[in-house]
Amino acid sequence: MPRPAPPGLPERWRRAAAARYGPVLATYGVLKLAGFAVFMYLLDSAGDFREKHPRFGGGEHTWDVLGSWDGWWYQQIALHGYDPALEPVPGATGMITLKGNSAAFFPLYPALMKLVSAVTGLGPYGSGMAVSVVFSFVAALGVHAVTARLGGPRAGLVAVGLWAVWPGSGTEWAVYSESVYTALAAWACYAVMTRRWLTAGVLTFTAGLARPTAVALVAALAVAGLVEVWRHRERWRRPLLAVAIAPLGTAGYLGWVGYRMGDWNGYSKLQDGAWAHKFDYGRHTADVLTSVAVGRTDYHFAMPFEDMIGVAVVLTVPVLTVLLVRLRPPAVLVVYTVLSYLMVMGTQQYFGNVSRYLLPLFPLFIPPALAMRRLRRPSLMTVLGTAALASGSYAGYALFELGVP
C-alpha cells in the first residue's frame, strides 16, 4: 500500500503556526470571554445603563455601553473627522467648546475604524469593536513573544493571562485604543530585543499616532538604539535611522493640531481646557492617594470604588518595577515602563482611569509570570480563571458604569 504524500509546505506552516500561536490565542480568548460574560451579566442585572445617555455609559442594549465615553468620540471621528479649534465657551472662563474636543483623541484608531467600516459595512461601532478585538489578540501574541524570550513559553502564557485580567482590561474589548497601542508597543519592544531596528522604528512611529504616551516608547527606543551604537559602533545606521523615524508620528499629529488651532501649544490647551488633563508633576495623584487613605472624597473627579482600584494599581506598579529591574531585562523594557508610569502619575486626570492608562505596561507582568510558571496547570488555571471571572466586575462594570473610563 503506498504511503500518503507528506503534507505540503502551506499545511506544515499551518500546523507550525497552530502549535506556536494556538495556546496563546486560546489562553487569552478563554480568559477574556469569561470576564466579558460576567461583565455583560452584571450590566444586564443592574440595568442602570438603560437610564444613562448613550455617550455616558448608557444605551438600548448592554453591548452599547462598550461604545460609550471615549468610544463615542472615536465613533464621531470615524464618521465626521476632525475640526479642531480653540474657542472659549460663552460665559465660561478657560473652557473650550466641544468643537475642538475630538482632537484630543489620536487618529490611528478611528482611521482603522473607518477603513474596516468601509470594507465590511459594519459601521463605526462594529468596526471599532472588530479592530479592538483583533488587535487585542495581536497584543497578546506580542506580550507572549517578549516574555517567552526572557522566561520561556510557559511564562509567556502566564503573562498573557495576567494582561487579560488586569484591572484596566475592560477596554481591551471595547471601542477604545488600548489594544491597538499595546499591540504596537509590545511588538516594537520585541523588534528592539531582536535587533530589527527599522521594524521597531516604524512600529514606534505608528504607535505615536495612537496615544500621546507613545513618547515613553520613543524614549525607550532611543535609549536602546544609543546603547546599541555605543556597544557596536560599526552598526550605527539602522539604530539611528530607527531613532529618527520613531518620534515622527507623535510630533506630526501634535504639529497638525497646533497648526489647525493656530497655536503650537494647542493640544495641551485643549487637554487642559476641555478635559481637565494637564501635567502637574503629580500633585493631583498625591492628593488622591492621601485623600483615599483617610477616607476623604473632596478631591477632583472623586469616584470612590474606582479610585480604590486605582490606588491599588498605582502602589503595585513600583513593586513590580523593582522586580522587573532585578531580572536585568533589556533597557527598552525598563525605560518604557518607568517613563510610561511617570507620565500617568504626573498628569491631572480622572484618577480612576489609571488602571486603563497603565494597561499598556505589559513588562510589569514578566516578574509574576516567571514566578507563576512553576505552578501546576490546575493551580494556574484556578488562579487565572478566578481573576478572569472577577475581572467582569473590577475591570468591566466598575470602569464603565461606576466611573468614567
Protein backbone atom coordinates (compact mmCIF):
# COMPACT_ATOMS: atom_id res chain seq x y z
CA MET A 1 0.00 0.00 0.00
CA PRO A 2 1.56 3.34 -0.99
CA ARG A 3 2.38 5.79 1.75
CA PRO A 4 0.37 9.02 1.85
CA ALA A 5 2.14 12.02 0.40
CA PRO A 6 3.78 14.28 3.01
CA PRO A 7 1.87 17.44 3.74
CA GLY A 8 2.72 20.39 1.53
CA LEU A 9 4.53 23.49 2.69
CA PRO A 10 1.34 25.52 3.40
CA GLU A 11 -0.02 22.67 5.53
CA ARG A 12 3.22 22.46 7.51
CA TRP A 13 3.10 26.21 8.04
CA ARG A 14 -0.46 25.96 9.35
CA ARG A 15 0.47 23.20 11.76
CA ALA A 16 3.54 25.05 12.98
CA ALA A 17 1.53 28.25 13.43
CA ALA A 18 -1.22 26.39 15.30
CA ALA A 19 1.33 24.76 17.62
CA ARG A 20 3.14 28.04 18.26
CA TYR A 21 0.30 30.55 18.48
CA GLY A 22 -2.73 28.39 19.28
CA PRO A 23 -2.08 28.13 23.04
CA VAL A 24 -1.53 31.89 23.28
CA LEU A 25 -4.72 32.78 21.44
CA ALA A 26 -6.73 30.15 23.33
CA THR A 27 -5.44 31.26 26.75
CA TYR A 28 -6.20 34.88 26.09
CA GLY A 29 -9.53 34.22 24.39
CA VAL A 30 -10.91 31.95 27.11
CA LEU A 31 -9.94 34.30 29.94
CA LYS A 32 -11.36 37.35 28.15
CA LEU A 33 -14.60 35.56 27.28
CA ALA A 34 -15.06 34.55 30.91
CA GLY A 35 -14.64 38.10 32.18
CA PHE A 36 -16.65 39.56 29.31
CA ALA A 37 -19.58 37.23 30.03
CA VAL A 38 -19.61 38.27 33.70
CA PHE A 39 -19.44 41.94 32.68
CA MET A 40 -22.44 41.58 30.36
CA TYR A 41 -24.36 39.70 33.06
CA LEU A 42 -23.66 42.42 35.64
CA LEU A 43 -24.73 45.12 33.22
CA ASP A 44 -27.97 43.35 32.45
CA SER A 45 -28.69 42.57 36.11
CA ALA A 46 -28.11 46.14 37.31
CA GLY A 47 -29.90 47.65 34.34
CA ASP A 48 -28.62 51.13 35.16
CA PHE A 49 -27.20 51.54 31.66
CA ARG A 50 -30.78 51.99 30.40
CA GLU A 51 -31.12 55.19 32.42
CA LYS A 52 -27.95 56.83 31.09
CA HIS A 53 -27.22 58.77 27.93
CA PRO A 54 -25.52 56.70 25.19
CA ARG A 55 -22.49 58.96 25.48
CA PHE A 56 -22.13 58.35 29.21
CA GLY A 57 -22.27 54.61 29.85
CA GLY A 58 -25.78 54.01 28.57
CA GLY A 59 -27.67 52.61 25.60
CA GLU A 60 -30.56 50.48 24.48
CA HIS A 61 -28.61 47.22 24.77
CA THR A 62 -25.90 46.03 27.15
CA TRP A 63 -23.27 45.98 24.43
CA ASP A 64 -23.94 49.64 23.62
CA VAL A 65 -22.03 50.52 26.79
CA LEU A 66 -18.80 49.38 25.12
CA GLY A 67 -19.11 52.25 22.66
CA SER A 68 -19.81 54.97 25.21
CA TRP A 69 -17.50 57.53 26.88
CA ASP A 70 -14.30 57.72 24.79
CA GLY A 71 -15.84 55.22 22.39
CA TRP A 72 -18.49 57.78 21.46
CA TRP A 73 -15.80 60.27 20.50
CA TYR A 74 -13.91 57.72 18.40
CA GLN A 75 -17.12 56.93 16.51
CA GLN A 76 -17.72 60.62 15.83
CA ILE A 77 -14.19 60.99 14.47
CA ALA A 78 -14.60 57.92 12.26
CA LEU A 79 -17.83 59.39 10.88
CA HIS A 80 -17.01 63.09 10.64
CA GLY A 81 -13.25 63.52 11.03
CA TYR A 82 -11.64 66.36 12.99
CA ASP A 83 -12.47 70.04 13.20
CA PRO A 84 -10.01 71.31 15.81
CA ALA A 85 -10.37 74.88 17.03
CA LEU A 86 -9.72 76.74 20.25
CA GLU A 87 -12.93 78.61 21.03
CA PRO A 88 -13.99 79.75 24.53
CA VAL A 89 -17.42 78.73 25.76
CA PRO A 90 -19.64 81.84 26.13
CA GLY A 91 -19.90 82.79 29.79
CA ALA A 92 -17.25 80.26 30.91
CA THR A 93 -13.68 81.02 31.90
CA GLY A 94 -10.87 78.94 30.45
CA MET A 95 -13.18 76.42 28.79
CA ILE A 96 -13.15 75.16 25.21
CA THR A 97 -16.15 74.29 23.09
CA LEU A 98 -16.98 70.74 22.05
CA LYS A 99 -15.88 71.67 18.54
CA GLY A 100 -12.25 71.05 19.37
CA ASN A 101 -12.58 68.20 21.85
CA SER A 102 -12.23 65.39 19.34
CA ALA A 103 -8.66 66.47 18.52
CA ALA A 104 -7.61 65.16 21.94
CA PHE A 105 -8.02 61.63 20.52
CA PHE A 106 -5.14 60.47 18.34
CA PRO A 107 -6.01 59.44 14.77
CA LEU A 108 -4.79 55.87 14.23
CA TYR A 109 -7.65 54.03 15.90
CA PRO A 110 -10.52 56.00 14.29
CA ALA A 111 -8.71 55.70 10.94
CA LEU A 112 -8.66 51.91 11.33
CA MET A 113 -12.34 52.02 12.30
CA LYS A 114 -13.17 53.97 9.16
CA LEU A 115 -11.16 51.57 6.99
CA VAL A 116 -12.79 48.46 8.45
CA SER A 117 -16.21 50.05 8.20
CA ALA A 118 -15.67 50.85 4.52
CA VAL A 119 -14.53 47.29 3.78
CA THR A 120 -17.07 45.37 5.89
CA GLY A 121 -20.02 47.74 6.23
CA LEU A 122 -20.07 47.18 9.98
CA GLY A 123 -20.48 50.85 10.86
CA PRO A 124 -18.42 52.79 13.41
CA TYR A 125 -19.41 50.74 16.47
CA GLY A 126 -18.99 47.32 14.87
CA SER A 127 -15.75 48.29 13.17
CA GLY A 128 -14.39 49.74 16.41
CA MET A 129 -15.13 46.53 18.27
CA ALA A 130 -13.63 44.44 15.47
CA VAL A 131 -10.40 46.47 15.46
CA SER A 132 -10.09 46.29 19.26
CA VAL A 133 -10.73 42.56 19.49
CA VAL A 134 -8.36 41.66 16.65
CA PHE A 135 -5.59 43.89 17.97
CA SER A 136 -6.09 42.53 21.49
CA PHE A 137 -5.05 39.11 20.16
CA VAL A 138 -2.12 40.70 18.31
CA ALA A 139 -1.13 42.37 21.59
CA ALA A 140 -1.41 39.04 23.43
CA LEU A 141 0.97 37.49 20.90
CA GLY A 142 3.39 40.39 21.43
CA VAL A 143 3.27 40.09 25.22
CA HIS A 144 3.94 36.37 24.87
CA ALA A 145 6.84 36.91 22.45
CA VAL A 146 8.60 39.39 24.75
CA THR A 147 8.07 37.35 27.91
CA ALA A 148 8.92 34.00 26.32
CA ARG A 149 12.23 35.42 25.14
CA LEU A 150 13.13 36.13 28.77
CA GLY A 151 11.46 33.25 30.60
CA GLY A 152 10.25 30.64 28.14
CA PRO A 153 6.86 29.87 26.52
CA ARG A 154 5.09 28.93 29.76
CA ALA A 155 5.97 32.26 31.35
CA GLY A 156 4.74 33.92 28.17
CA LEU A 157 1.35 32.25 28.54
CA VAL A 158 1.07 33.40 32.15
CA ALA A 159 1.94 36.98 31.16
CA VAL A 160 -0.79 36.88 28.51
CA GLY A 161 -3.24 35.66 31.14
CA LEU A 162 -2.27 38.46 33.52
CA TRP A 163 -2.72 41.07 30.79
CA ALA A 164 -6.19 39.65 30.11
CA VAL A 165 -7.31 40.16 33.75
CA TRP A 166 -5.51 43.43 34.63
CA PRO A 167 -7.83 45.99 36.29
CA GLY A 168 -7.91 48.13 33.13
CA SER A 169 -8.52 45.19 30.79
CA GLY A 170 -12.19 46.01 30.29
CA THR A 171 -11.18 48.37 27.47
CA GLU A 172 -9.40 45.62 25.53
CA TRP A 173 -12.74 44.58 24.05
CA ALA A 174 -14.42 47.97 23.72
CA VAL A 175 -14.33 50.95 21.34
CA TYR A 176 -11.04 52.12 22.86
CA SER A 177 -7.49 52.39 21.54
CA GLU A 178 -5.69 50.44 24.29
CA SER A 179 -5.48 47.16 22.37
CA VAL A 180 -4.08 48.86 19.26
CA TYR A 181 -1.47 50.77 21.21
CA THR A 182 -0.40 47.82 23.37
CA ALA A 183 0.00 45.62 20.29
CA LEU A 184 2.27 48.17 18.63
CA ALA A 185 4.27 48.80 21.82
CA ALA A 186 4.79 45.10 22.56
CA TRP A 187 5.95 44.25 19.06
CA ALA A 188 8.13 47.38 18.91
CA CYS A 189 9.90 46.26 22.10
CA TYR A 190 10.26 42.75 20.68
CA ALA A 191 11.75 44.19 17.49
CA VAL A 192 14.31 46.11 19.57
CA MET A 193 15.13 42.95 21.57
CA THR A 194 15.75 41.04 18.34
CA ARG A 195 17.64 43.98 16.74
CA ARG A 196 15.12 44.56 13.98
CA TRP A 197 15.70 48.28 14.20
CA LEU A 198 13.79 49.54 11.20
CA THR A 199 10.76 47.47 12.19
CA ALA A 200 10.99 48.91 15.69
CA GLY A 201 11.19 52.44 14.31
CA VAL A 202 8.15 52.01 12.06
CA LEU A 203 6.09 50.39 14.84
CA THR A 204 7.00 53.16 17.27
CA PHE A 205 6.17 55.79 14.66
CA THR A 206 2.76 54.13 14.20
CA ALA A 207 2.20 53.87 17.96
CA GLY A 208 2.79 57.62 18.11
CA LEU A 209 -0.38 58.04 16.06
CA ALA A 210 -2.38 56.03 18.60
CA ARG A 211 -1.72 57.59 22.01
CA PRO A 212 0.29 60.54 23.40
CA THR A 213 2.02 58.23 25.90
CA ALA A 214 3.96 56.83 22.94
CA VAL A 215 6.53 59.47 23.93
CA ALA A 216 7.73 56.93 26.51
CA LEU A 217 8.10 54.28 23.80
CA VAL A 218 10.03 56.72 21.63
CA ALA A 219 12.42 57.45 24.51
CA ALA A 220 12.85 53.74 25.23
CA LEU A 221 13.75 53.06 21.60
CA ALA A 222 16.17 55.99 21.62
CA VAL A 223 17.97 54.69 24.72
CA ALA A 224 18.15 51.16 23.29
CA GLY A 225 19.41 52.48 19.95
CA LEU A 226 22.11 54.62 21.51
CA VAL A 227 23.24 51.71 23.69
CA GLU A 228 23.47 49.53 20.59
CA VAL A 229 25.57 52.15 18.78
CA TRP A 230 27.85 52.52 21.81
CA ARG A 231 28.42 48.77 22.10
CA HIS A 232 28.74 48.07 18.37
CA ARG A 233 29.97 51.24 16.74
CA GLU A 234 30.16 49.62 13.35
CA ARG A 235 26.35 49.04 13.45
CA TRP A 236 25.06 52.57 13.76
CA ARG A 237 23.00 53.22 10.65
CA ARG A 238 19.87 51.15 11.37
CA PRO A 239 19.56 52.04 15.09
CA LEU A 240 19.98 55.76 14.40
CA LEU A 241 17.54 55.63 11.49
CA ALA A 242 15.01 53.94 13.79
CA VAL A 243 15.57 56.64 16.42
CA ALA A 244 14.99 59.32 13.76
CA ILE A 245 11.76 57.72 12.48
CA ALA A 246 10.22 56.88 15.86
CA PRO A 247 9.04 60.32 17.07
CA LEU A 248 7.55 61.49 13.77
CA GLY A 249 4.09 60.04 14.41
CA THR A 250 3.51 61.85 17.69
CA ALA A 251 5.27 65.03 16.56
CA GLY A 252 3.37 65.05 13.29
CA TYR A 253 -0.06 64.83 14.87
CA LEU A 254 0.67 67.37 17.61
CA GLY A 255 2.09 69.71 14.99
CA TRP A 256 -1.00 69.32 12.80
CA VAL A 257 -3.33 70.05 15.72
CA GLY A 258 -1.28 73.13 16.65
CA TYR A 259 -1.31 74.34 13.06
CA ARG A 260 -5.08 73.89 12.71
CA MET A 261 -5.72 75.64 16.01
CA GLY A 262 -3.36 78.49 15.27
CA ASP A 263 -1.43 77.74 18.46
CA TRP A 264 1.54 75.40 18.57
CA ASN A 265 0.64 74.56 22.16
CA GLY A 266 -2.95 73.92 21.09
CA TYR A 267 -3.04 70.25 22.05
CA SER A 268 -2.01 70.94 25.64
CA LYS A 269 -4.51 73.80 25.91
CA LEU A 270 -7.22 71.55 24.53
CA GLN A 271 -6.46 68.78 27.03
CA ASP A 272 -6.49 71.24 29.91
CA GLY A 273 -9.46 73.35 28.91
CA ALA A 274 -11.78 70.67 27.53
CA TRP A 275 -10.75 67.61 29.53
CA ALA A 276 -9.01 68.98 32.65
CA HIS A 277 -5.95 66.90 31.76
CA LYS A 278 -2.65 68.62 32.39
CA PHE A 279 0.83 67.75 33.55
CA ASP A 280 1.02 68.89 37.18
CA TYR A 281 4.11 66.94 38.32
CA GLY A 282 1.97 64.53 40.35
CA ARG A 283 0.15 66.98 42.59
CA HIS A 284 -3.28 65.55 41.77
CA THR A 285 -2.05 61.98 42.19
CA ALA A 286 -0.61 62.82 45.61
CA ASP A 287 -3.88 64.49 46.59
CA VAL A 288 -5.87 61.41 45.66
CA LEU A 289 -3.52 58.99 47.42
CA THR A 290 -3.55 60.97 50.65
CA SER A 291 -7.32 61.56 50.46
CA VAL A 292 -8.30 57.96 49.83
CA ALA A 293 -6.02 56.82 52.64
CA VAL A 294 -8.08 58.78 55.19
CA GLY A 295 -11.49 58.32 53.57
CA ARG A 296 -11.83 61.81 52.03
CA THR A 297 -13.65 62.32 48.74
CA ASP A 298 -13.30 66.07 48.31
CA TYR A 299 -10.62 65.87 45.61
CA HIS A 300 -11.19 66.46 41.88
CA PHE A 301 -13.13 63.79 39.95
CA ALA A 302 -13.69 61.57 43.01
CA MET A 303 -15.13 58.11 42.26
CA PRO A 304 -14.65 56.08 45.45
CA PHE A 305 -14.85 52.47 44.24
CA GLU A 306 -12.93 53.00 41.02
CA ASP A 307 -10.36 55.16 42.83
CA MET A 308 -9.69 52.39 45.35
CA ILE A 309 -8.85 50.07 42.47
CA GLY A 310 -6.65 52.82 41.03
CA VAL A 311 -4.78 53.27 44.31
CA ALA A 312 -4.11 49.51 44.49
CA VAL A 313 -2.76 49.54 40.93
CA VAL A 314 -0.62 52.66 41.46
CA LEU A 315 1.00 51.18 44.58
CA THR A 316 1.55 47.80 42.92
CA VAL A 317 3.41 49.16 39.89
CA PRO A 318 6.59 50.29 41.77
CA VAL A 319 6.85 46.85 43.39
CA LEU A 320 6.56 45.09 40.05
CA THR A 321 9.01 47.56 38.51
CA VAL A 322 11.66 46.77 41.13
CA LEU A 323 11.16 43.06 40.48
CA LEU A 324 11.44 43.71 36.74
CA VAL A 325 14.71 45.63 37.14
CA ARG A 326 16.16 42.81 39.27
CA LEU A 327 15.69 40.47 36.32
CA ARG A 328 18.04 42.71 34.28
CA PRO A 329 15.87 42.78 31.17
CA PRO A 330 16.73 44.77 28.04
CA ALA A 331 16.83 48.51 28.68
CA VAL A 332 13.94 49.16 26.29
CA LEU A 333 11.51 47.40 28.66
CA VAL A 334 12.65 49.25 31.77
CA VAL A 335 12.71 52.70 30.17
CA TYR A 336 9.33 52.18 28.54
CA THR A 337 7.74 51.02 31.80
CA VAL A 338 9.21 53.67 34.08
CA LEU A 339 8.56 56.62 31.77
CA SER A 340 5.01 55.48 30.99
CA TYR A 341 4.27 55.21 34.70
CA LEU A 342 5.75 58.64 35.45
CA MET A 343 3.76 60.25 32.64
CA VAL A 344 0.49 58.86 34.01
CA MET A 345 1.33 59.73 37.62
CA GLY A 346 2.41 63.25 36.72
CA THR A 347 -0.84 64.12 34.94
CA GLN A 348 -4.03 65.51 36.44
CA GLN A 349 -6.91 63.36 35.19
CA TYR A 350 -9.74 61.13 36.34
CA PHE A 351 -7.70 59.08 38.79
CA GLY A 352 -9.91 56.02 38.50
CA ASN A 353 -8.76 55.69 34.91
CA VAL A 354 -5.15 54.96 35.84
CA SER A 355 -5.73 51.20 35.64
CA ARG A 356 -6.66 51.75 31.98
CA TYR A 357 -3.81 54.16 31.30
CA LEU A 358 -1.34 51.67 32.79
CA LEU A 359 -2.74 48.71 30.84
CA PRO A 360 -0.05 49.00 28.10
CA LEU A 361 2.73 48.50 30.69
CA PHE A 362 2.99 44.83 29.79
CA PRO A 363 6.61 44.38 31.04
CA LEU A 364 5.17 44.55 34.58
CA PHE A 365 3.69 41.10 34.05
CA ILE A 366 7.07 39.49 33.40
CA PRO A 367 8.20 39.07 37.07
CA PRO A 368 4.94 37.46 38.32
CA ALA A 369 4.79 35.37 35.14
CA LEU A 370 8.27 33.97 35.79
CA ALA A 371 7.25 33.12 39.36
CA MET A 372 3.85 31.65 38.44
CA ARG A 373 5.19 29.46 35.63
CA ARG A 374 6.23 26.96 38.31
CA LEU A 375 2.62 26.35 39.30
CA ARG A 376 0.96 23.16 38.14
CA ARG A 377 -1.65 23.54 35.45
CA PRO A 378 -4.70 23.08 37.75
CA SER A 379 -3.37 25.70 40.17
CA LEU A 380 -2.57 28.11 37.37
CA MET A 381 -5.99 27.63 35.80
CA THR A 382 -7.66 28.25 39.17
CA VAL A 383 -5.74 31.48 39.82
CA LEU A 384 -6.19 32.99 36.37
CA GLY A 385 -9.72 31.66 35.96
CA THR A 386 -10.86 33.20 39.24
CA ALA A 387 -9.25 36.52 38.32
CA ALA A 388 -10.92 36.39 34.89
CA LEU A 389 -14.37 35.93 36.41
CA ALA A 390 -13.74 38.69 38.93
CA SER A 391 -12.49 40.99 36.18
CA GLY A 392 -16.04 41.28 34.91
CA SER A 393 -16.66 43.43 37.97
CA TYR A 394 -13.42 45.31 38.71
CA ALA A 395 -12.22 45.66 35.10
CA GLY A 396 -15.57 45.91 33.37
CA TYR A 397 -18.56 47.07 35.37
CA ALA A 398 -16.59 49.34 37.74
CA LEU A 399 -14.83 51.02 34.84
CA PHE A 400 -17.78 51.62 32.52
CA GLU A 401 -20.72 52.05 34.92
CA LEU A 402 -19.29 53.24 38.25
CA GLY A 403 -16.63 55.51 36.79
CA VAL A 404 -15.58 57.34 33.64
CA PRO A 405 -13.28 55.13 31.56
